[in-house]
PDB file of all heavy atoms in Angstrom:
ATOM      1  N   THR A   1       0.841  -1.256  -0.048  1.00  0.00           N
ATOM      2  CA  THR A   1       0.017  -0.061  -0.009  1.00  0.00           C
ATOM      3  C   THR A   1       0.807   1.244  -0.035  1.00  0.00           C
ATOM      4  O   THR A   1       0.619   2.186  -0.782  1.00  0.00           O
ATOM      5  CB  THR A   1      -0.902   0.024   1.258  1.00  0.00           C
ATOM      6  OG1 THR A   1      -1.814  -1.142   1.133  1.00  0.00           O
ATOM      7  CG2 THR A   1      -1.756   1.281   1.360  1.00  0.00           C
ATOM      8  N   THR A   2       1.834   1.273   0.849  1.00  0.00           N
ATOM      9  CA  THR A   2       2.860   2.336   0.915  1.00  0.00           C
ATOM     10  C   THR A   2       3.464   2.549  -0.412  1.00  0.00           C
ATOM     11  O   THR A   2       3.590   3.704  -0.903  1.00  0.00           O
ATOM     12  CB  THR A   2       3.849   2.167   2.024  1.00  0.00           C
ATOM     13  OG1 THR A   2       3.154   2.110   3.277  1.00  0.00           O
ATOM     14  CG2 THR A   2       4.852   3.395   2.114  1.00  0.00           C
ATOM     15  N   PHE A   3       3.975   1.455  -1.013  1.00  0.00           N
ATOM     16  CA  PHE A   3       4.708   1.504  -2.333  1.00  0.00           C
ATOM     17  C   PHE A   3       3.714   1.991  -3.379  1.00  0.00           C
ATOM     18  O   PHE A   3       4.082   2.915  -4.189  1.00  0.00           O
ATOM     19  CB  PHE A   3       5.250   0.217  -2.678  1.00  0.00           C
ATOM     20  CG  PHE A   3       5.793   0.218  -4.058  1.00  0.00           C
ATOM     21  CD1 PHE A   3       6.948   0.725  -4.422  1.00  0.00           C
ATOM     22  CD2 PHE A   3       5.041  -0.496  -5.105  1.00  0.00           C
ATOM     23  CE1 PHE A   3       7.473   0.770  -5.653  1.00  0.00           C
ATOM     24  CE2 PHE A   3       5.584  -0.387  -6.491  1.00  0.00           C
ATOM     25  CZ  PHE A   3       6.800   0.128  -6.765  1.00  0.00           C
ATOM     26  N   ARG A   4       2.503   1.582  -3.492  1.00  0.00           N
ATOM     27  CA  ARG A   4       1.548   1.912  -4.470  1.00  0.00           C
ATOM     28  C   ARG A   4       1.226   3.445  -4.320  1.00  0.00           C
ATOM     29  O   ARG A   4       1.168   4.141  -5.389  1.00  0.00           O
ATOM     30  CB  ARG A   4       0.217   1.174  -4.253  1.00  0.00           C
ATOM     31  CG  ARG A   4      -0.846   1.354  -5.394  1.00  0.00           C
ATOM     32  CD  ARG A   4      -2.063   0.557  -5.043  1.00  0.00           C
ATOM     33  NE  ARG A   4      -1.907  -0.886  -5.116  1.00  0.00           N
ATOM     34  CZ  ARG A   4      -2.144  -1.595  -4.031  1.00  0.00           C
ATOM     35  NH1 ARG A   4      -2.642  -1.175  -2.986  1.00  0.00           N
ATOM     36  NH2 ARG A   4      -1.974  -2.937  -4.203  1.00  0.00           N
ATOM     37  N   ASP A   5       1.005   3.936  -3.127  1.00  0.00           N
ATOM     38  CA  ASP A   5       0.785   5.332  -2.919  1.00  0.00           C
ATOM     39  C   ASP A   5       1.986   6.164  -3.407  1.00  0.00           C
ATOM     40  O   ASP A   5       1.869   7.183  -4.125  1.00  0.00           O
ATOM     41  CB  ASP A   5       0.485   5.647  -1.524  1.00  0.00           C
ATOM     42  CG  ASP A   5      -0.820   5.154  -0.934  1.00  0.00           C
ATOM     43  OD1 ASP A   5      -1.668   4.735  -1.788  1.00  0.00           O
ATOM     44  OD2 ASP A   5      -0.964   4.972   0.232  1.00  0.00           O
ATOM     45  N   TRP A   6       3.214   5.705  -3.114  1.00  0.00           N
ATOM     46  CA  TRP A   6       4.456   6.465  -3.536  1.00  0.00           C
ATOM     47  C   TRP A   6       4.469   6.379  -5.101  1.00  0.00           C
ATOM     48  O   TRP A   6       4.777   7.460  -5.651  1.00  0.00           O
ATOM     49  CB  TRP A   6       5.677   5.851  -2.864  1.00  0.00           C
ATOM     50  CG  TRP A   6       6.943   6.371  -3.548  1.00  0.00           C
ATOM     51  CD1 TRP A   6       7.507   7.516  -3.221  1.00  0.00           C
ATOM     52  CD2 TRP A   6       7.598   5.834  -4.718  1.00  0.00           C
ATOM     53  NE1 TRP A   6       8.724   7.683  -4.031  1.00  0.00           N
ATOM     54  CE2 TRP A   6       8.643   6.695  -4.965  1.00  0.00           C
ATOM     55  CE3 TRP A   6       7.411   4.736  -5.516  1.00  0.00           C
ATOM     56  CZ2 TRP A   6       9.548   6.486  -6.053  1.00  0.00           C
ATOM     57  CZ3 TRP A   6       8.321   4.513  -6.495  1.00  0.00           C
ATOM     58  CH2 TRP A   6       9.370   5.341  -6.805  1.00  0.00           C
ATOM     59  N   PHE A   7       4.232   5.268  -5.635  1.00  0.00           N
ATOM     60  CA  PHE A   7       4.448   5.152  -7.100  1.00  0.00           C
ATOM     61  C   PHE A   7       3.350   5.919  -7.814  1.00  0.00           C
ATOM     62  O   PHE A   7       3.697   6.507  -8.880  1.00  0.00           O
ATOM     63  CB  PHE A   7       4.299   3.635  -7.592  1.00  0.00           C
ATOM     64  CG  PHE A   7       4.649   3.534  -8.991  1.00  0.00           C
ATOM     65  CD1 PHE A   7       6.004   3.577  -9.400  1.00  0.00           C
ATOM     66  CD2 PHE A   7       3.704   3.474 -10.054  1.00  0.00           C
ATOM     67  CE1 PHE A   7       6.352   3.517 -10.730  1.00  0.00           C
ATOM     68  CE2 PHE A   7       3.979   3.352 -11.314  1.00  0.00           C
ATOM     69  CZ  PHE A   7       5.308   3.376 -11.682  1.00  0.00           C
ATOM     70  N   MET A   8       2.149   6.078  -7.293  1.00  0.00           N
ATOM     71  CA  MET A   8       1.112   6.851  -7.959  1.00  0.00           C
ATOM     72  C   MET A   8       1.581   8.310  -8.024  1.00  0.00           C
ATOM     73  O   MET A   8       1.468   9.057  -9.100  1.00  0.00           O
ATOM     74  CB  MET A   8      -0.208   6.649  -7.290  1.00  0.00           C
ATOM     75  CG  MET A   8      -0.917   5.351  -7.554  1.00  0.00           C
ATOM     76  SD  MET A   8      -2.453   4.919  -6.844  1.00  0.00           S
ATOM     77  CE  MET A   8      -3.156   6.405  -6.247  1.00  0.00           C
ATOM     78  N   ASP A   9       2.075   8.794  -6.846  1.00  0.00           N
ATOM     79  CA  ASP A   9       2.670  10.203  -6.747  1.00  0.00           C
ATOM     80  C   ASP A   9       3.797  10.356  -7.769  1.00  0.00           C
ATOM     81  O   ASP A   9       3.841  11.343  -8.489  1.00  0.00           O
ATOM     82  CB  ASP A   9       3.044  10.545  -5.362  1.00  0.00           C
ATOM     83  CG  ASP A   9       1.884  10.690  -4.452  1.00  0.00           C
ATOM     84  OD1 ASP A   9       0.740  10.906  -4.936  1.00  0.00           O
ATOM     85  OD2 ASP A   9       2.158  10.614  -3.265  1.00  0.00           O
ATOM     86  N   PHE A  10       4.654   9.418  -7.763  1.00  0.00           N
ATOM     87  CA  PHE A  10       5.873   9.454  -8.656  1.00  0.00           C
ATOM     88  C   PHE A  10       5.508   9.450 -10.088  1.00  0.00           C
ATOM     89  O   PHE A  10       5.935  10.256 -10.855  1.00  0.00           O
ATOM     90  CB  PHE A  10       6.726   8.174  -8.418  1.00  0.00           C
ATOM     91  CG  PHE A  10       7.819   8.112  -9.345  1.00  0.00           C
ATOM     92  CD1 PHE A  10       9.099   8.706  -9.223  1.00  0.00           C
ATOM     93  CD2 PHE A  10       7.796   7.192 -10.390  1.00  0.00           C
ATOM     94  CE1 PHE A  10      10.199   8.575 -10.030  1.00  0.00           C
ATOM     95  CE2 PHE A  10       8.854   7.031 -11.304  1.00  0.00           C
ATOM     96  CZ  PHE A  10      10.019   7.738 -11.112  1.00  0.00           C
ATOM     97  N   ASP A  11       4.558   8.614 -10.483  1.00  0.00           N
ATOM     98  CA  ASP A  11       4.088   8.594 -11.916  1.00  0.00           C
ATOM     99  C   ASP A  11       3.344   9.787 -12.260  1.00  0.00           C
ATOM    100  O   ASP A  11       3.506  10.373 -13.327  1.00  0.00           O
ATOM    101  CB  ASP A  11       3.168   7.307 -11.960  1.00  0.00           C
ATOM    102  CG  ASP A  11       2.902   6.886 -13.484  1.00  0.00           C
ATOM    103  OD1 ASP A  11       3.802   6.988 -14.303  1.00  0.00           O
ATOM    104  OD2 ASP A  11       1.738   6.595 -13.754  1.00  0.00           O
ATOM    105  N   ALA A  12       2.522  10.369 -11.406  1.00  0.00           N
ATOM    106  CA  ALA A  12       1.782  11.525 -11.739  1.00  0.00           C
ATOM    107  C   ALA A  12       2.786  12.760 -11.892  1.00  0.00           C
ATOM    108  O   ALA A  12       2.601  13.555 -12.866  1.00  0.00           O
ATOM    109  CB  ALA A  12       0.762  11.839 -10.506  1.00  0.00           C
ATOM    110  N   ASP A  13       3.779  12.852 -11.048  1.00  0.00           N
ATOM    111  CA  ASP A  13       4.823  13.852 -11.200  1.00  0.00           C
ATOM    112  C   ASP A  13       5.608  13.624 -12.569  1.00  0.00           C
ATOM    113  O   ASP A  13       5.774  14.718 -13.207  1.00  0.00           O
ATOM    114  CB  ASP A  13       5.792  13.838 -10.083  1.00  0.00           C
ATOM    115  CG  ASP A  13       5.228  14.238  -8.743  1.00  0.00           C
ATOM    116  OD1 ASP A  13       4.139  14.916  -8.697  1.00  0.00           O
ATOM    117  OD2 ASP A  13       5.849  14.021  -7.730  1.00  0.00           O
ATOM    118  N   ALA A  14       5.888  12.509 -12.948  1.00  0.00           N
ATOM    119  CA  ALA A  14       6.534  12.237 -14.172  1.00  0.00           C
ATOM    120  C   ALA A  14       5.616  12.688 -15.309  1.00  0.00           C
ATOM    121  O   ALA A  14       6.119  13.282 -16.307  1.00  0.00           O
ATOM    122  CB  ALA A  14       6.954  10.779 -14.266  1.00  0.00           C
ATOM    123  N   TRP A  15       4.314  12.320 -15.255  1.00  0.00           N
ATOM    124  CA  TRP A  15       3.388  12.695 -16.400  1.00  0.00           C
ATOM    125  C   TRP A  15       3.306  14.246 -16.379  1.00  0.00           C
ATOM    126  O   TRP A  15       3.259  14.746 -17.511  1.00  0.00           O
ATOM    127  CB  TRP A  15       2.006  11.995 -16.037  1.00  0.00           C
ATOM    128  CG  TRP A  15       1.128  12.257 -17.213  1.00  0.00           C
ATOM    129  CD1 TRP A  15       0.937  11.250 -18.154  1.00  0.00           C
ATOM    130  CD2 TRP A  15       0.202  13.227 -17.498  1.00  0.00           C
ATOM    131  NE1 TRP A  15      -0.095  11.657 -19.088  1.00  0.00           N
ATOM    132  CE2 TRP A  15      -0.548  12.922 -18.632  1.00  0.00           C
ATOM    133  CE3 TRP A  15      -0.087  14.422 -16.886  1.00  0.00           C
ATOM    134  CZ2 TRP A  15      -1.405  13.760 -19.321  1.00  0.00           C
ATOM    135  CZ3 TRP A  15      -1.047  15.323 -17.529  1.00  0.00           C
ATOM    136  CH2 TRP A  15      -1.741  14.903 -18.622  1.00  0.00           C
ATOM    137  N   ASP A  16       3.115  14.863 -15.228  1.00  0.00           N
ATOM    138  CA  ASP A  16       3.104  16.266 -15.214  1.00  0.00           C
ATOM    139  C   ASP A  16       4.342  16.924 -15.966  1.00  0.00           C
ATOM    140  O   ASP A  16       4.198  17.957 -16.701  1.00  0.00           O
ATOM    141  CB  ASP A  16       2.935  16.906 -13.803  1.00  0.00           C
ATOM    142  CG  ASP A  16       1.555  16.667 -13.204  1.00  0.00           C
ATOM    143  OD1 ASP A  16       0.580  16.258 -13.976  1.00  0.00           O
ATOM    144  OD2 ASP A  16       1.434  16.755 -11.974  1.00  0.00           O
ATOM    145  N   LYS A  17       5.556  16.489 -15.607  1.00  0.00           N
ATOM    146  CA  LYS A  17       6.700  16.961 -16.155  1.00  0.00           C
ATOM    147  C   LYS A  17       6.721  16.833 -17.655  1.00  0.00           C
ATOM    148  O   LYS A  17       7.039  17.721 -18.437  1.00  0.00           O
ATOM    149  CB  LYS A  17       7.963  16.272 -15.571  1.00  0.00           C
ATOM    150  CG  LYS A  17       9.247  16.711 -16.074  1.00  0.00           C
ATOM    151  CD  LYS A  17      10.410  16.102 -15.490  1.00  0.00           C
ATOM    152  CE  LYS A  17      11.726  16.605 -16.067  1.00  0.00           C
ATOM    153  NZ  LYS A  17      12.839  15.719 -15.781  1.00  0.00           N
ATOM    154  N   GLN A  18       6.300  15.624 -18.115  1.00  0.00           N
ATOM    155  CA  GLN A  18       6.296  15.360 -19.636  1.00  0.00           C
ATOM    156  C   GLN A  18       5.236  16.320 -20.262  1.00  0.00           C
ATOM    157  O   GLN A  18       5.497  16.888 -21.379  1.00  0.00           O
ATOM    158  CB  GLN A  18       5.898  13.989 -19.868  1.00  0.00           C
ATOM    159  CG  GLN A  18       5.866  13.604 -21.451  1.00  0.00           C
ATOM    160  CD  GLN A  18       7.184  13.796 -22.059  1.00  0.00           C
ATOM    161  OE1 GLN A  18       8.132  13.174 -21.651  1.00  0.00           O
ATOM    162  NE2 GLN A  18       7.253  14.557 -23.135  1.00  0.00           N
ATOM    163  N   PHE A  19       4.055  16.504 -19.715  1.00  0.00           N
ATOM    164  CA  PHE A  19       3.090  17.336 -20.194  1.00  0.00           C
ATOM    165  C   PHE A  19       3.574  18.793 -20.311  1.00  0.00           C
ATOM    166  O   PHE A  19       3.426  19.420 -21.332  1.00  0.00           O
ATOM    167  CB  PHE A  19       1.813  17.301 -19.283  1.00  0.00           C
ATOM    168  CG  PHE A  19       0.629  18.125 -19.839  1.00  0.00           C
ATOM    169  CD1 PHE A  19      -0.168  17.572 -20.786  1.00  0.00           C
ATOM    170  CD2 PHE A  19       0.296  19.329 -19.385  1.00  0.00           C
ATOM    171  CE1 PHE A  19      -1.237  18.346 -21.328  1.00  0.00           C
ATOM    172  CE2 PHE A  19      -0.640  20.129 -19.898  1.00  0.00           C
ATOM    173  CZ  PHE A  19      -1.463  19.546 -20.831  1.00  0.00           C
ATOM    174  N   GLU A  20       4.259  19.281 -19.227  1.00  0.00           N
ATOM    175  CA  GLU A  20       4.841  20.670 -19.234  1.00  0.00           C
ATOM    176  C   GLU A  20       5.900  20.812 -20.362  1.00  0.00           C
ATOM    177  O   GLU A  20       5.943  21.838 -21.130  1.00  0.00           O
ATOM    178  CB  GLU A  20       5.428  21.029 -17.984  1.00  0.00           C
ATOM    179  CG  GLU A  20       4.407  21.280 -16.868  1.00  0.00           C
ATOM    180  CD  GLU A  20       5.079  21.580 -15.531  1.00  0.00           C
ATOM    181  OE1 GLU A  20       6.182  22.054 -15.516  1.00  0.00           O
ATOM    182  OE2 GLU A  20       4.367  21.354 -14.475  1.00  0.00           O
ATOM    183  N   GLU A  21       6.699  19.752 -20.601  1.00  0.00           N
ATOM    184  CA  GLU A  21       7.658  19.827 -21.636  1.00  0.00           C
ATOM    185  C   GLU A  21       7.017  19.824 -22.984  1.00  0.00           C
ATOM    186  O   GLU A  21       7.511  20.600 -23.910  1.00  0.00           O
ATOM    187  CB  GLU A  21       8.594  18.650 -21.502  1.00  0.00           C
ATOM    188  CG  GLU A  21       9.556  18.658 -20.437  1.00  0.00           C
ATOM    189  CD  GLU A  21      10.298  17.370 -20.133  1.00  0.00           C
ATOM    190  OE1 GLU A  21      10.126  16.362 -21.011  1.00  0.00           O
ATOM    191  OE2 GLU A  21      11.095  17.236 -19.173  1.00  0.00           O
ATOM    192  N   ASP A  22       5.986  19.064 -23.147  1.00  0.00           N
ATOM    193  CA  ASP A  22       5.134  19.065 -24.465  1.00  0.00           C
ATOM    194  C   ASP A  22       4.593  20.419 -24.684  1.00  0.00           C
ATOM    195  O   ASP A  22       4.632  20.886 -25.752  1.00  0.00           O
ATOM    196  CB  ASP A  22       4.148  17.949 -24.500  1.00  0.00           C
ATOM    197  CG  ASP A  22       4.777  16.589 -24.569  1.00  0.00           C
ATOM    198  OD1 ASP A  22       5.939  16.435 -24.891  1.00  0.00           O
ATOM    199  OD2 ASP A  22       3.967  15.574 -24.324  1.00  0.00           O
ATOM    200  N   VAL A  23       4.011  21.063 -23.701  1.00  0.00           N
ATOM    201  CA  VAL A  23       3.372  22.349 -23.796  1.00  0.00           C
ATOM    202  C   VAL A  23       4.439  23.431 -24.167  1.00  0.00           C
ATOM    203  O   VAL A  23       4.313  24.159 -25.164  1.00  0.00           O
ATOM    204  CB  VAL A  23       2.665  22.791 -22.472  1.00  0.00           C
ATOM    205  CG1 VAL A  23       2.284  24.196 -22.571  1.00  0.00           C
ATOM    206  CG2 VAL A  23       1.446  21.932 -22.299  1.00  0.00           C
ATOM    207  N   ASN A  24       5.554  23.409 -23.438  1.00  0.00           N
ATOM    208  CA  ASN A  24       6.606  24.410 -23.711  1.00  0.00           C
ATOM    209  C   ASN A  24       7.247  24.249 -25.036  1.00  0.00           C
ATOM    210  O   ASN A  24       7.736  25.134 -25.727  1.00  0.00           O
ATOM    211  CB  ASN A  24       7.692  24.317 -22.647  1.00  0.00           C
ATOM    212  CG  ASN A  24       7.186  24.765 -21.302  1.00  0.00           C
ATOM    213  OD1 ASN A  24       6.279  25.613 -21.210  1.00  0.00           O
ATOM    214  ND2 ASN A  24       7.821  24.283 -20.235  1.00  0.00           N
ATOM    215  N   ALA A  25       7.293  22.946 -25.598  1.00  0.00           N
ATOM    216  CA  ALA A  25       7.765  22.741 -26.940  1.00  0.00           C
ATOM    217  C   ALA A  25       6.846  22.970 -28.040  1.00  0.00           C
ATOM    218  O   ALA A  25       7.186  22.845 -29.248  1.00  0.00           O
ATOM    219  CB  ALA A  25       8.324  21.391 -27.046  1.00  0.00           C
ATOM    220  N   GLY A  26       5.547  23.296 -27.727  1.00  0.00           N
ATOM    221  CA  GLY A  26       4.502  23.573 -28.631  1.00  0.00           C
ATOM    222  C   GLY A  26       3.854  22.334 -29.291  1.00  0.00           C
ATOM    223  O   GLY A  26       3.153  22.486 -30.255  1.00  0.00           O
ATOM    224  N   ARG A  27       4.140  21.249 -28.682  1.00  0.00           N
ATOM    225  CA  ARG A  27       3.634  19.967 -29.346  1.00  0.00           C
ATOM    226  C   ARG A  27       2.059  19.851 -29.184  1.00  0.00           C
ATOM    227  O   ARG A  27       1.532  19.006 -29.779  1.00  0.00           O
ATOM    228  CB  ARG A  27       4.311  18.778 -28.727  1.00  0.00           C
ATOM    229  CG  ARG A  27       5.779  18.538 -29.225  1.00  0.00           C
ATOM    230  CD  ARG A  27       6.338  17.278 -28.780  1.00  0.00           C
ATOM    231  NE  ARG A  27       6.905  17.218 -27.430  1.00  0.00           N
ATOM    232  CZ  ARG A  27       8.114  17.567 -27.011  1.00  0.00           C
ATOM    233  NH1 ARG A  27       8.908  18.031 -27.951  1.00  0.00           N
ATOM    234  NH2 ARG A  27       8.483  17.601 -25.774  1.00  0.00           N
ATOM    235  N   LEU A  28       1.505  20.645 -28.362  1.00  0.00           N
ATOM    236  CA  LEU A  28       0.122  20.561 -28.140  1.00  0.00           C
ATOM    237  C   LEU A  28      -0.751  21.825 -28.722  1.00  0.00           C
ATOM    238  O   LEU A  28      -1.908  21.962 -28.668  1.00  0.00           O
ATOM    239  CB  LEU A  28      -0.221  20.515 -26.579  1.00  0.00           C
ATOM    240  CG  LEU A  28       0.414  19.309 -25.918  1.00  0.00           C
ATOM    241  CD1 LEU A  28       0.113  19.296 -24.519  1.00  0.00           C
ATOM    242  CD2 LEU A  28      -0.028  18.040 -26.479  1.00  0.00           C
ATOM    243  N   ASP A  29       0.107  22.711 -29.402  1.00  0.00           N
ATOM    244  CA  ASP A  29      -0.520  23.886 -29.938  1.00  0.00           C
ATOM    245  C   ASP A  29      -1.688  23.663 -31.020  1.00  0.00           C
ATOM    246  O   ASP A  29      -2.697  24.221 -30.904  1.00  0.00           O
ATOM    247  CB  ASP A  29       0.510  24.776 -30.603  1.00  0.00           C
ATOM    248  CG  ASP A  29       1.434  25.450 -29.534  1.00  0.00           C
ATOM    249  OD1 ASP A  29       1.231  25.237 -28.317  1.00  0.00           O
ATOM    250  OD2 ASP A  29       2.575  26.104 -30.043  1.00  0.00           O
ATOM    251  N   VAL A  30      -1.507  22.626 -31.691  1.00  0.00           N
ATOM    252  CA  VAL A  30      -2.497  22.285 -32.763  1.00  0.00           C
ATOM    253  C   VAL A  30      -3.849  21.892 -31.981  1.00  0.00           C
ATOM    254  O   VAL A  30      -4.914  22.348 -32.447  1.00  0.00           O
ATOM    255  CB  VAL A  30      -2.010  21.219 -33.763  1.00  0.00           C
ATOM    256  CG1 VAL A  30      -3.114  20.715 -34.563  1.00  0.00           C
ATOM    257  CG2 VAL A  30      -0.793  21.761 -34.548  1.00  0.00           C
ATOM    258  N   LEU A  31      -3.657  21.051 -31.036  1.00  0.00           N
ATOM    259  CA  LEU A  31      -4.926  20.623 -30.265  1.00  0.00           C
ATOM    260  C   LEU A  31      -5.613  21.816 -29.549  1.00  0.00           C
ATOM    261  O   LEU A  31      -6.760  21.924 -29.550  1.00  0.00           O
ATOM    262  CB  LEU A  31      -4.426  19.583 -29.237  1.00  0.00           C
ATOM    263  CG  LEU A  31      -3.997  18.247 -29.846  1.00  0.00           C
ATOM    264  CD1 LEU A  31      -3.512  17.353 -28.709  1.00  0.00           C
ATOM    265  CD2 LEU A  31      -5.022  17.641 -30.759  1.00  0.00           C
ATOM    266  N   ALA A  32      -4.737  22.571 -28.962  1.00  0.00           N
ATOM    267  CA  ALA A  32      -5.297  23.791 -28.294  1.00  0.00           C
ATOM    268  C   ALA A  32      -5.998  24.791 -29.199  1.00  0.00           C
ATOM    269  O   ALA A  32      -7.112  25.215 -28.920  1.00  0.00           O
ATOM    270  CB  ALA A  32      -4.175  24.592 -27.519  1.00  0.00           C
TER     271      ALA A  32
END
């Protein structure tokens, strides 16, 4: 349970970082 909670936070942070990189690189501009 402790590991699962930690991993969910870790994975969410990694996804957020990738999303921010995609936004900053303009990869989502067409969709927006």
